[in-house]
């Protein structure tokens, strides 16, 4: 995991590999809201495989000829997995519209509609309790022994919690550049931000995509667009804006801003968030070294509703931490994020200093809507209902975790290797 440098458990780990097949990695949303069967909105319980949530949402909006802004979902689910989650379409009042949605069942690429039902409320980002995972770890030498080790590690993590690192999905893989685009935005350099997204080829990509990115870096926008394959959906959105502006004259900051605005808003916001996540992982690594489930004087503590808990004695804080009623936090750096006190705060400030940053840099003056005030985020998360069993194919792990946290952070402890 990018910028994640610390483990909680001491066991050697079982190694192995994951995601050999999409079916090996199963995710099911634990919903916070359940549709009632009545109301103006249409909810779809989908199962997708090998696709991002955003791609499915865009396809549904396209086929229904509606604005994608009417589509809601609680969280982005893994692409390289088989996943289940709710998607909500707002303001689909008529029976005809309901039937139009049902008629899409079987028509969306690699996506099944398991249930279509009406609901009174809309679905918004973050409205879920957590996620259940069932993940097969293959390529294990001693499966029986490895299952025992994995089970022991998982039971330890149920007690201590898991470092709340952001996983590779946050940064992109194999092309890890989302946080680099965010870094350029924090530097207030829109041209560099667009260039890092469209250009900058890497060897991990398909050769044609590399050529398309090289053409962009060489300044040949038309050729770059022509060479772009199907997987470069968002790059095409951006470069079309640039080509349109280039016909009016030299490209300016406004041109690059228009290119970024061509992207879906969730993706626009992801860039600075990814850079914040990169820095957050560094802060979590340092804080875990101090004790993942220990209260340290100066810690900023939040409860499970993400509200700051004040005016407790160290002993009271520790008791609440032990029962997962509260958690110590690390900063998602931004313009207004508070630092912890004492030695924890000094560590947090040193990370910004090491990257030559200040809190004010997160204003992103040229695109202020992409700037961030920052916030305190729990530096650990809870894992429950854990198990690990030996199978003919490997070690099958099962567990549930809080929303917004990454299963790969759990697997990283079990496997003791970088997990994508």
Protein backbone atom coordinates (compact mmCIF):
# COMPACT_ATOMS: atom_id res chain seq x y z
CA UNK A 1 0.00 0.00 0.00
CA UNK A 2 1.42 3.33 -1.04
CA UNK A 3 3.28 5.11 1.79
CA UNK A 4 2.18 2.44 4.32
CA UNK A 5 5.20 1.34 6.30
CA UNK A 6 4.08 -0.32 9.55
CA UNK A 7 2.48 -3.65 10.59
CA UNK A 8 0.53 -4.32 13.79
CA UNK A 9 0.90 -8.11 14.02
CA UNK A 10 4.25 -9.83 14.41
CA UNK A 11 3.60 -13.16 12.65
CA UNK A 12 5.58 -13.86 9.50
CA UNK A 13 2.48 -13.94 7.30
CA UNK A 14 1.29 -16.54 4.82
CA UNK A 15 2.22 -14.90 1.50
CA UNK A 16 0.16 -16.01 -1.48
CA UNK A 17 -1.71 -14.10 -4.14
CA UNK A 18 -5.19 -12.63 -4.52
CA UNK A 19 -7.42 -11.60 -7.43
CA UNK A 20 -6.23 -14.44 -9.67
CA UNK A 21 -9.84 -14.47 -10.80
CA UNK A 22 -12.43 -11.76 -10.23
CA UNK A 23 -14.60 -14.32 -8.41
CA UNK A 24 -11.85 -14.80 -5.79
CA UNK A 25 -12.60 -11.35 -4.37
CA UNK A 26 -16.24 -10.90 -3.30
CA UNK A 27 -17.59 -7.70 -1.72
CA UNK A 28 -21.11 -7.07 -0.49
CA UNK A 29 -22.30 -3.72 0.80
CA UNK A 30 -23.84 -3.64 4.29
CA UNK A 31 -26.52 -0.99 3.65
CA UNK A 32 -27.54 1.75 6.04
CA UNK A 33 -30.81 2.37 4.18
CA UNK A 34 -33.18 -0.24 2.80
CA UNK A 35 -35.72 0.85 0.13
CA UNK A 36 -39.33 0.51 1.24
CA UNK A 37 -40.98 -0.47 -2.05
CA UNK A 38 -42.70 2.90 -2.36
CA UNK A 39 -41.54 6.35 -3.39
CA UNK A 40 -40.35 8.45 -6.35
CA UNK A 41 -36.86 6.95 -6.60
CA UNK A 42 -35.76 3.64 -8.12
CA UNK A 43 -33.18 1.52 -6.31
CA UNK A 44 -31.22 -1.25 -8.05
CA UNK A 45 -29.34 -4.00 -6.17
CA UNK A 46 -26.60 -4.80 -8.66
CA UNK A 47 -23.90 -7.41 -8.98
CA UNK A 48 -21.01 -6.35 -11.16
CA UNK A 49 -17.76 -8.04 -12.08
CA UNK A 50 -14.62 -6.45 -13.51
CA UNK A 51 -16.10 -2.94 -13.65
CA UNK A 52 -15.95 0.24 -11.58
CA UNK A 53 -19.10 1.55 -9.92
CA UNK A 54 -18.77 4.81 -11.84
CA UNK A 55 -18.61 3.01 -15.20
CA UNK A 56 -21.84 1.14 -14.41
CA UNK A 57 -23.54 4.36 -13.30
CA UNK A 58 -22.51 6.12 -16.50
CA UNK A 59 -23.78 3.24 -18.64
CA UNK A 60 -27.18 3.22 -16.90
CA UNK A 61 -27.50 7.00 -17.26
CA UNK A 62 -26.57 6.76 -20.95
CA UNK A 63 -29.09 4.02 -21.71
CA UNK A 64 -31.88 5.79 -19.83
CA UNK A 65 -30.97 9.14 -21.44
CA UNK A 66 -30.78 10.87 -18.08
CA UNK A 67 -28.22 13.13 -16.39
CA UNK A 68 -25.66 11.10 -14.42
CA UNK A 69 -26.20 13.54 -11.52
CA UNK A 70 -29.49 11.77 -10.84
CA UNK A 71 -27.60 8.57 -10.02
CA UNK A 72 -26.55 7.91 -6.44
CA UNK A 73 -24.51 5.22 -4.71
CA UNK A 74 -23.07 4.80 -1.23
CA UNK A 75 -19.51 3.86 -2.18
CA UNK A 76 -17.13 2.89 -4.95
CA UNK A 77 -16.57 -0.87 -5.09
CA UNK A 78 -13.52 -2.73 -6.39
CA UNK A 79 -13.16 -3.20 -10.13
CA UNK A 80 -11.19 -6.44 -9.97
CA UNK A 81 -13.85 -8.26 -7.98
CA UNK A 82 -17.40 -9.54 -7.88
CA UNK A 83 -19.35 -6.95 -5.93
CA UNK A 84 -22.90 -6.20 -4.82
CA UNK A 85 -24.27 -2.77 -3.96
CA UNK A 86 -27.26 -0.45 -4.26
CA UNK A 87 -27.56 2.21 -6.96
CA UNK A 88 -30.37 4.77 -6.79
CA UNK A 89 -31.96 6.80 -9.60
CA UNK A 90 -33.80 9.86 -8.34
CA UNK A 91 -37.18 11.14 -9.55
CA UNK A 92 -38.42 8.19 -11.60
CA UNK A 93 -42.08 8.62 -10.62
CA UNK A 94 -44.01 6.94 -13.42
CA UNK A 95 -44.66 3.24 -13.94
CA UNK A 96 -43.21 3.63 -17.43
CA UNK A 97 -39.89 4.88 -16.03
CA UNK A 98 -39.79 2.01 -13.52
CA UNK A 99 -40.30 -0.49 -16.35
CA UNK A 100 -37.56 1.22 -18.39
CA UNK A 101 -35.12 0.57 -15.55
CA UNK A 102 -36.22 -3.07 -15.21
CA UNK A 103 -35.83 -3.50 -18.98
CA UNK A 104 -32.10 -2.69 -18.64
CA UNK A 105 -31.59 -5.90 -16.67
CA UNK A 106 -29.11 -8.00 -18.63
CA UNK A 107 -28.23 -5.09 -20.91
CA UNK A 108 -25.47 -3.42 -18.87
CA UNK A 109 -22.03 -4.91 -19.52
CA UNK A 110 -20.91 -7.41 -16.85
CA UNK A 111 -23.65 -6.18 -14.51
CA UNK A 112 -26.76 -7.98 -13.23
CA UNK A 113 -29.81 -6.34 -11.67
CA UNK A 114 -30.67 -8.62 -8.72
CA UNK A 115 -33.53 -6.44 -7.51
CA UNK A 116 -35.30 -3.28 -8.74
CA UNK A 117 -37.48 -1.57 -6.14
CA UNK A 118 -38.89 1.85 -5.32
CA UNK A 119 -37.65 3.93 -2.37
CA UNK A 120 -38.65 7.16 -0.69
CA UNK A 121 -35.13 8.37 0.04
CA UNK A 122 -32.23 9.09 -2.27
CA UNK A 123 -28.91 7.30 -1.81
CA UNK A 124 -25.85 9.41 -1.15
CA UNK A 125 -22.13 8.75 -0.81
CA UNK A 126 -21.26 7.28 2.58
CA UNK A 127 -24.72 5.95 3.44
CA UNK A 128 -23.62 2.42 4.31
CA UNK A 129 -22.55 0.61 7.47
CA UNK A 130 -19.65 -1.29 6.00
CA UNK A 131 -18.75 -4.14 3.66
CA UNK A 132 -18.58 -7.92 3.91
CA UNK A 133 -15.67 -9.65 2.17
CA UNK A 134 -14.97 -13.21 1.09
CA UNK A 135 -11.46 -13.42 -0.37
CA UNK A 136 -9.50 -16.44 -1.55
CA UNK A 137 -5.72 -16.36 -1.10
CA UNK A 138 -4.08 -18.73 -3.61
CA UNK A 139 -0.55 -20.03 -4.16
CA UNK A 140 -0.08 -21.17 -0.56
CA UNK A 141 2.43 -23.92 0.22
CA UNK A 142 1.03 -25.32 3.50
CA UNK A 143 -2.66 -24.48 3.33
CA UNK A 144 -3.67 -26.00 6.69
CA UNK A 145 -0.91 -24.23 8.64
CA UNK A 146 -1.48 -20.99 6.73
CA UNK A 147 -5.19 -21.05 7.56
CA UNK A 148 -4.30 -21.35 11.26
CA UNK A 149 -1.85 -18.43 11.04
CA UNK A 150 -4.38 -16.32 9.13
CA UNK A 151 -7.07 -17.09 11.69
CA UNK A 152 -4.76 -16.11 14.57
CA UNK A 153 -3.83 -12.82 12.89
CA UNK A 154 -7.47 -11.99 12.19
CA UNK A 155 -8.40 -12.67 15.82
CA UNK A 156 -5.62 -10.33 16.98
CA UNK A 157 -6.88 -7.62 14.63
CA UNK A 158 -10.39 -8.01 16.08
CA UNK A 159 -8.82 -6.84 19.37
CA UNK A 160 -6.38 -4.16 18.19
CA UNK A 161 -8.05 -2.88 15.06
CA UNK A 162 -6.40 -2.52 11.64
CA UNK A 163 -4.30 0.42 10.39
CA UNK A 164 -6.70 2.53 8.35
CA UNK A 165 -4.44 2.81 5.33
CA UNK A 166 -5.85 3.82 1.98
CA UNK A 167 -5.39 0.99 -0.52
CA UNK A 168 -4.02 1.00 -4.05
CA UNK A 169 -7.53 1.58 -5.44
CA UNK A 170 -7.26 5.12 -4.09
CA UNK A 171 -4.18 5.84 -6.17
CA UNK A 172 -4.70 3.74 -9.29
CA UNK A 173 -3.06 0.50 -10.32
CA UNK A 174 -1.16 -0.42 -12.45
CA UNK A 175 -0.94 3.27 -13.39
CA UNK A 176 -0.45 4.91 -10.00
CA UNK A 177 -0.97 8.56 -10.78
CA UNK A 178 -4.18 9.82 -9.15
CA UNK A 179 -2.30 11.28 -6.17
CA UNK A 180 0.26 12.83 -8.53
CA UNK A 181 -2.51 14.72 -10.32
CA UNK A 182 -3.68 15.83 -6.86
CA UNK A 183 -0.16 16.93 -5.96
CA UNK A 184 -0.06 19.12 -9.09
CA UNK A 185 -3.42 20.67 -8.14
CA UNK A 186 -2.13 21.40 -4.63
CA UNK A 187 0.85 23.03 -6.35
CA UNK A 188 -1.77 25.09 -8.26
CA UNK A 189 -0.39 23.88 -11.63
CA UNK A 190 -3.35 22.92 -13.83
CA UNK A 191 -1.27 22.18 -16.92
CA UNK A 192 0.87 19.71 -14.96
CA UNK A 193 -2.26 18.12 -13.46
CA UNK A 194 -3.82 17.49 -16.88
CA UNK A 195 -0.50 16.31 -18.28
CA UNK A 196 -0.05 13.80 -15.50
CA UNK A 197 -3.49 12.36 -16.22
CA UNK A 198 -3.47 12.27 -20.04
CA UNK A 199 0.26 12.03 -20.74
CA UNK A 200 3.14 10.47 -18.82
CA UNK A 201 3.09 6.89 -20.28
CA UNK A 202 4.14 3.91 -18.15
CA UNK A 203 5.35 0.48 -19.22
CA UNK A 204 2.56 -1.29 -17.30
CA UNK A 205 -0.01 -0.06 -19.83
CA UNK A 206 -1.07 -1.41 -23.20
CA UNK A 207 1.33 -0.27 -25.94
CA UNK A 208 -1.34 1.72 -27.81
CA UNK A 209 -2.21 3.64 -24.66
CA UNK A 210 1.47 4.42 -24.16
CA UNK A 211 1.59 5.81 -27.70
CA UNK A 212 -1.51 7.92 -27.05
CA UNK A 213 0.06 9.41 -23.93
CA UNK A 214 3.37 10.00 -25.74
CA UNK A 215 1.51 11.87 -28.49
CA UNK A 216 -0.07 14.11 -25.85
CA UNK A 217 3.33 14.80 -24.28
CA UNK A 218 4.62 15.66 -27.78
CA UNK A 219 1.80 18.18 -28.18
CA UNK A 220 -0.16 16.28 -30.85
CA UNK A 221 -3.67 16.30 -29.36
CA UNK A 222 -5.47 14.97 -32.44
CA UNK A 223 -3.10 12.03 -32.77
CA UNK A 224 -3.36 11.32 -29.06
CA UNK A 225 -7.17 11.14 -29.27
CA UNK A 226 -6.99 8.92 -32.34
CA UNK A 227 -4.70 6.43 -30.57
CA UNK A 228 -6.74 6.24 -27.34
CA UNK A 229 -8.27 2.83 -26.66
CA UNK A 230 -11.54 1.91 -24.96
CA UNK A 231 -9.98 2.01 -21.52
CA UNK A 232 -9.18 5.72 -21.84
CA UNK A 233 -12.75 6.94 -21.47
CA UNK A 234 -11.91 9.85 -19.16
CA UNK A 235 -8.79 10.91 -21.03
CA UNK A 236 -10.98 11.25 -24.15
CA UNK A 237 -13.38 13.52 -22.26
CA UNK A 238 -10.51 15.80 -21.29
CA UNK A 239 -8.65 15.89 -24.59
CA UNK A 240 -11.76 16.74 -26.57
CA UNK A 241 -12.10 19.88 -24.47
CA UNK A 242 -8.46 20.72 -25.10
CA UNK A 243 -8.82 20.19 -28.86
CA UNK A 244 -11.89 22.44 -28.89
CA UNK A 245 -10.02 25.18 -27.02
CA UNK A 246 -6.86 24.78 -29.11
CA UNK A 247 -8.80 25.81 -32.20
CA UNK A 248 -9.42 29.19 -30.56
CA UNK A 249 -5.74 29.77 -29.85
CA UNK A 250 -3.03 28.82 -27.38
CA UNK A 251 -4.11 26.65 -24.45
CA UNK A 252 -4.44 28.55 -21.15
CA UNK A 253 -5.22 27.73 -17.53
CA UNK A 254 -8.88 28.12 -18.47
CA UNK A 255 -8.43 25.40 -21.11
CA UNK A 256 -6.93 23.00 -18.59
CA UNK A 257 -9.66 23.88 -16.09
CA UNK A 258 -12.29 23.07 -18.75
CA UNK A 259 -10.57 19.73 -19.38
CA UNK A 260 -10.72 18.83 -15.69
CA UNK A 261 -14.35 19.98 -15.48
CA UNK A 262 -15.19 17.55 -18.33
CA UNK A 263 -14.66 14.68 -15.91
CA UNK A 264 -17.42 13.35 -13.63
CA UNK A 265 -17.39 15.31 -10.37
CA UNK A 266 -16.54 12.28 -8.20
CA UNK A 267 -13.41 11.74 -10.28
CA UNK A 268 -12.47 15.45 -10.16
CA UNK A 269 -12.63 15.36 -6.37
CA UNK A 270 -10.65 12.12 -6.23
CA UNK A 271 -7.36 13.79 -7.24
CA UNK A 272 -6.74 16.00 -4.21
CA UNK A 273 -8.34 13.34 -2.00
CA UNK A 274 -5.78 10.83 -3.32
CA UNK A 275 -2.90 13.15 -2.44
CA UNK A 276 -4.38 13.69 1.02
CA UNK A 277 -4.62 9.89 1.31
CA UNK A 278 -0.95 9.51 0.35
CA UNK A 279 0.04 11.85 3.17
CA UNK A 280 -2.47 10.27 5.57
CA UNK A 281 -0.85 6.85 5.08
CA UNK A 282 2.46 8.35 6.11
CA UNK A 283 0.89 9.81 9.27
CA UNK A 284 -0.86 6.52 10.13
CA UNK A 285 2.42 4.62 9.74
CA UNK A 286 4.05 6.87 12.32
CA UNK A 287 1.06 6.83 14.68
CA UNK A 288 0.77 2.99 14.56
CA UNK A 289 4.41 2.81 15.70
CA UNK A 290 3.27 4.61 18.87
CA UNK A 291 0.56 1.99 19.55
CA UNK A 292 -2.50 1.41 17.39
CA UNK A 293 -4.86 0.83 20.31
CA UNK A 294 -3.19 3.10 22.89
CA UNK A 295 -4.28 6.57 23.94
CA UNK A 296 -1.44 9.09 23.78
CA UNK A 297 -1.69 12.49 25.44
CA UNK A 298 -2.63 15.04 22.77
CA UNK A 299 -4.52 12.57 20.54
CA UNK A 300 -7.63 13.90 18.84
CA UNK A 301 -10.26 11.21 19.48
CA UNK A 302 -13.44 10.66 17.47
CA UNK A 303 -16.45 8.42 18.02
CA UNK A 304 -18.15 6.23 15.43
CA UNK A 305 -20.23 9.19 14.22
CA UNK A 306 -16.87 10.94 13.52
CA UNK A 307 -17.48 13.56 16.21
CA UNK A 308 -14.60 14.70 18.42
CA UNK A 309 -14.81 13.35 21.97
CA UNK A 310 -13.51 15.76 24.61
CA UNK A 311 -13.03 16.07 28.36
CA UNK A 312 -12.21 12.47 29.24
CA UNK A 313 -9.42 11.23 31.46
CA UNK A 314 -6.65 9.16 29.83
CA UNK A 315 -8.11 6.09 31.53
CA UNK A 316 -11.60 6.82 30.17
CA UNK A 317 -10.23 7.35 26.63
CA UNK A 318 -8.35 4.06 26.85
CA UNK A 319 -11.45 2.14 27.94
CA UNK A 320 -13.45 3.62 25.03
CA UNK A 321 -10.64 2.75 22.59
CA UNK A 322 -10.50 -0.83 23.88
CA UNK A 323 -14.22 -1.28 23.10
CA UNK A 324 -14.06 0.50 19.70
CA UNK A 325 -16.43 3.22 20.86
CA UNK A 326 -13.80 5.79 19.88
CA UNK A 327 -10.56 5.86 17.89
CA UNK A 328 -7.40 7.97 17.73
CA UNK A 329 -7.14 9.94 14.49
CA UNK A 330 -4.63 11.08 11.89
CA UNK A 331 -5.03 14.11 9.60
CA UNK A 332 -6.33 14.18 6.08
CA UNK A 333 -4.34 17.35 5.56
CA UNK A 334 -6.21 20.47 4.45
CA UNK A 335 -6.55 24.19 5.06
CA UNK A 336 -8.41 23.91 8.37
CA UNK A 337 -7.52 20.51 9.76
CA UNK A 338 -6.41 20.71 13.42
CA UNK A 339 -3.19 19.06 14.52
CA UNK A 340 -3.02 16.81 17.57
CA UNK A 341 -1.16 18.00 20.65
CA UNK A 342 2.10 16.80 22.14
CA UNK A 343 4.40 14.39 20.35
CA UNK A 344 1.59 13.17 18.06
CA UNK A 345 1.07 16.70 16.73
CA UNK A 346 4.79 17.24 16.25
CA UNK A 347 4.90 14.07 14.15
CA UNK A 348 1.93 15.25 12.05
CA UNK A 349 3.54 18.64 11.36
CA UNK A 350 6.84 17.00 10.43
CA UNK A 351 5.18 15.08 7.59
CA UNK A 352 3.97 18.30 5.95
CA UNK A 353 7.44 19.78 6.44
CA UNK A 354 9.06 16.74 4.81
CA UNK A 355 6.97 17.30 1.65
CA UNK A 356 7.52 21.07 1.65
CA UNK A 357 3.83 21.77 2.24
CA UNK A 358 1.67 24.02 4.36
CA UNK A 359 -2.04 23.69 5.16
CA UNK A 360 -2.76 26.70 2.93
CA UNK A 361 -1.57 24.82 -0.15
CA UNK A 362 -4.77 22.78 -0.08
CA UNK A 363 -6.86 25.80 -1.11
CA UNK A 364 -6.16 25.05 -4.81
CA UNK A 365 -6.89 28.70 -5.76
CA UNK A 366 -7.32 28.06 -9.50
CA UNK A 367 -9.96 25.38 -8.83
CA UNK A 368 -11.19 26.11 -5.31
CA UNK A 369 -14.01 23.57 -5.55
CA UNK A 370 -11.33 20.88 -5.63
CA UNK A 371 -9.59 22.30 -2.57
CA UNK A 372 -10.11 20.80 0.85
CA UNK A 373 -10.39 21.97 4.44
CA UNK A 374 -9.21 18.53 5.51
CA UNK A 375 -10.47 16.49 8.44
CA UNK A 376 -9.46 14.06 11.14
CA UNK A 377 -9.92 10.40 10.15
CA UNK A 378 -9.68 7.36 12.36
CA UNK A 379 -6.19 5.86 12.18
CA UNK A 380 -7.58 2.34 12.68
CA UNK A 381 -10.75 0.45 11.82
CA UNK A 382 -12.66 -2.43 13.32
CA UNK A 383 -12.83 -5.88 11.75
CA UNK A 384 -15.38 -8.47 12.87
CA UNK A 385 -16.92 -11.83 11.92
CA UNK A 386 -13.49 -13.07 10.84
CA UNK A 387 -12.60 -16.57 9.70
CA UNK A 388 -9.94 -18.34 7.65
CA UNK A 389 -10.35 -21.88 6.39
CA UNK A 390 -8.22 -24.20 4.29
CA UNK A 391 -9.68 -25.17 0.91
CA UNK A 392 -8.39 -27.11 -2.09
CA UNK A 393 -7.64 -23.79 -3.81
CA UNK A 394 -6.04 -21.89 -0.92
CA UNK A 395 -7.03 -20.02 2.24
CA UNK A 396 -10.54 -18.59 2.17
CA UNK A 397 -10.85 -15.54 4.42
CA UNK A 398 -14.06 -13.84 5.47
CA UNK A 399 -14.53 -10.64 7.45
CA UNK A 400 -16.56 -7.45 7.71
CA UNK A 401 -15.11 -3.95 8.10
CA UNK A 402 -16.22 -0.35 8.56
CA UNK A 403 -17.25 1.74 5.57
CA UNK A 404 -14.48 3.68 3.87
CA UNK A 405 -11.82 1.18 4.91
CA UNK A 406 -9.86 -1.22 2.73
CA UNK A 407 -9.93 -5.00 2.83
CA UNK A 408 -6.39 -5.02 1.49
CA UNK A 409 -5.24 -3.43 4.78
CA UNK A 410 -6.50 -6.57 6.52
CA UNK A 411 -4.93 -8.89 3.94
CA UNK A 412 -1.64 -7.00 4.17
CA UNK A 413 -1.41 -8.05 7.83
CA UNK A 414 -2.34 -11.66 7.02
CA UNK A 415 -0.02 -12.01 4.03
CA UNK A 416 2.77 -9.63 5.13
CA UNK A 417 3.29 -8.36 1.61
CA UNK A 418 2.09 -5.53 -0.59
CA UNK A 419 -1.47 -6.35 -1.63
CA UNK A 420 -3.30 -4.78 -4.57
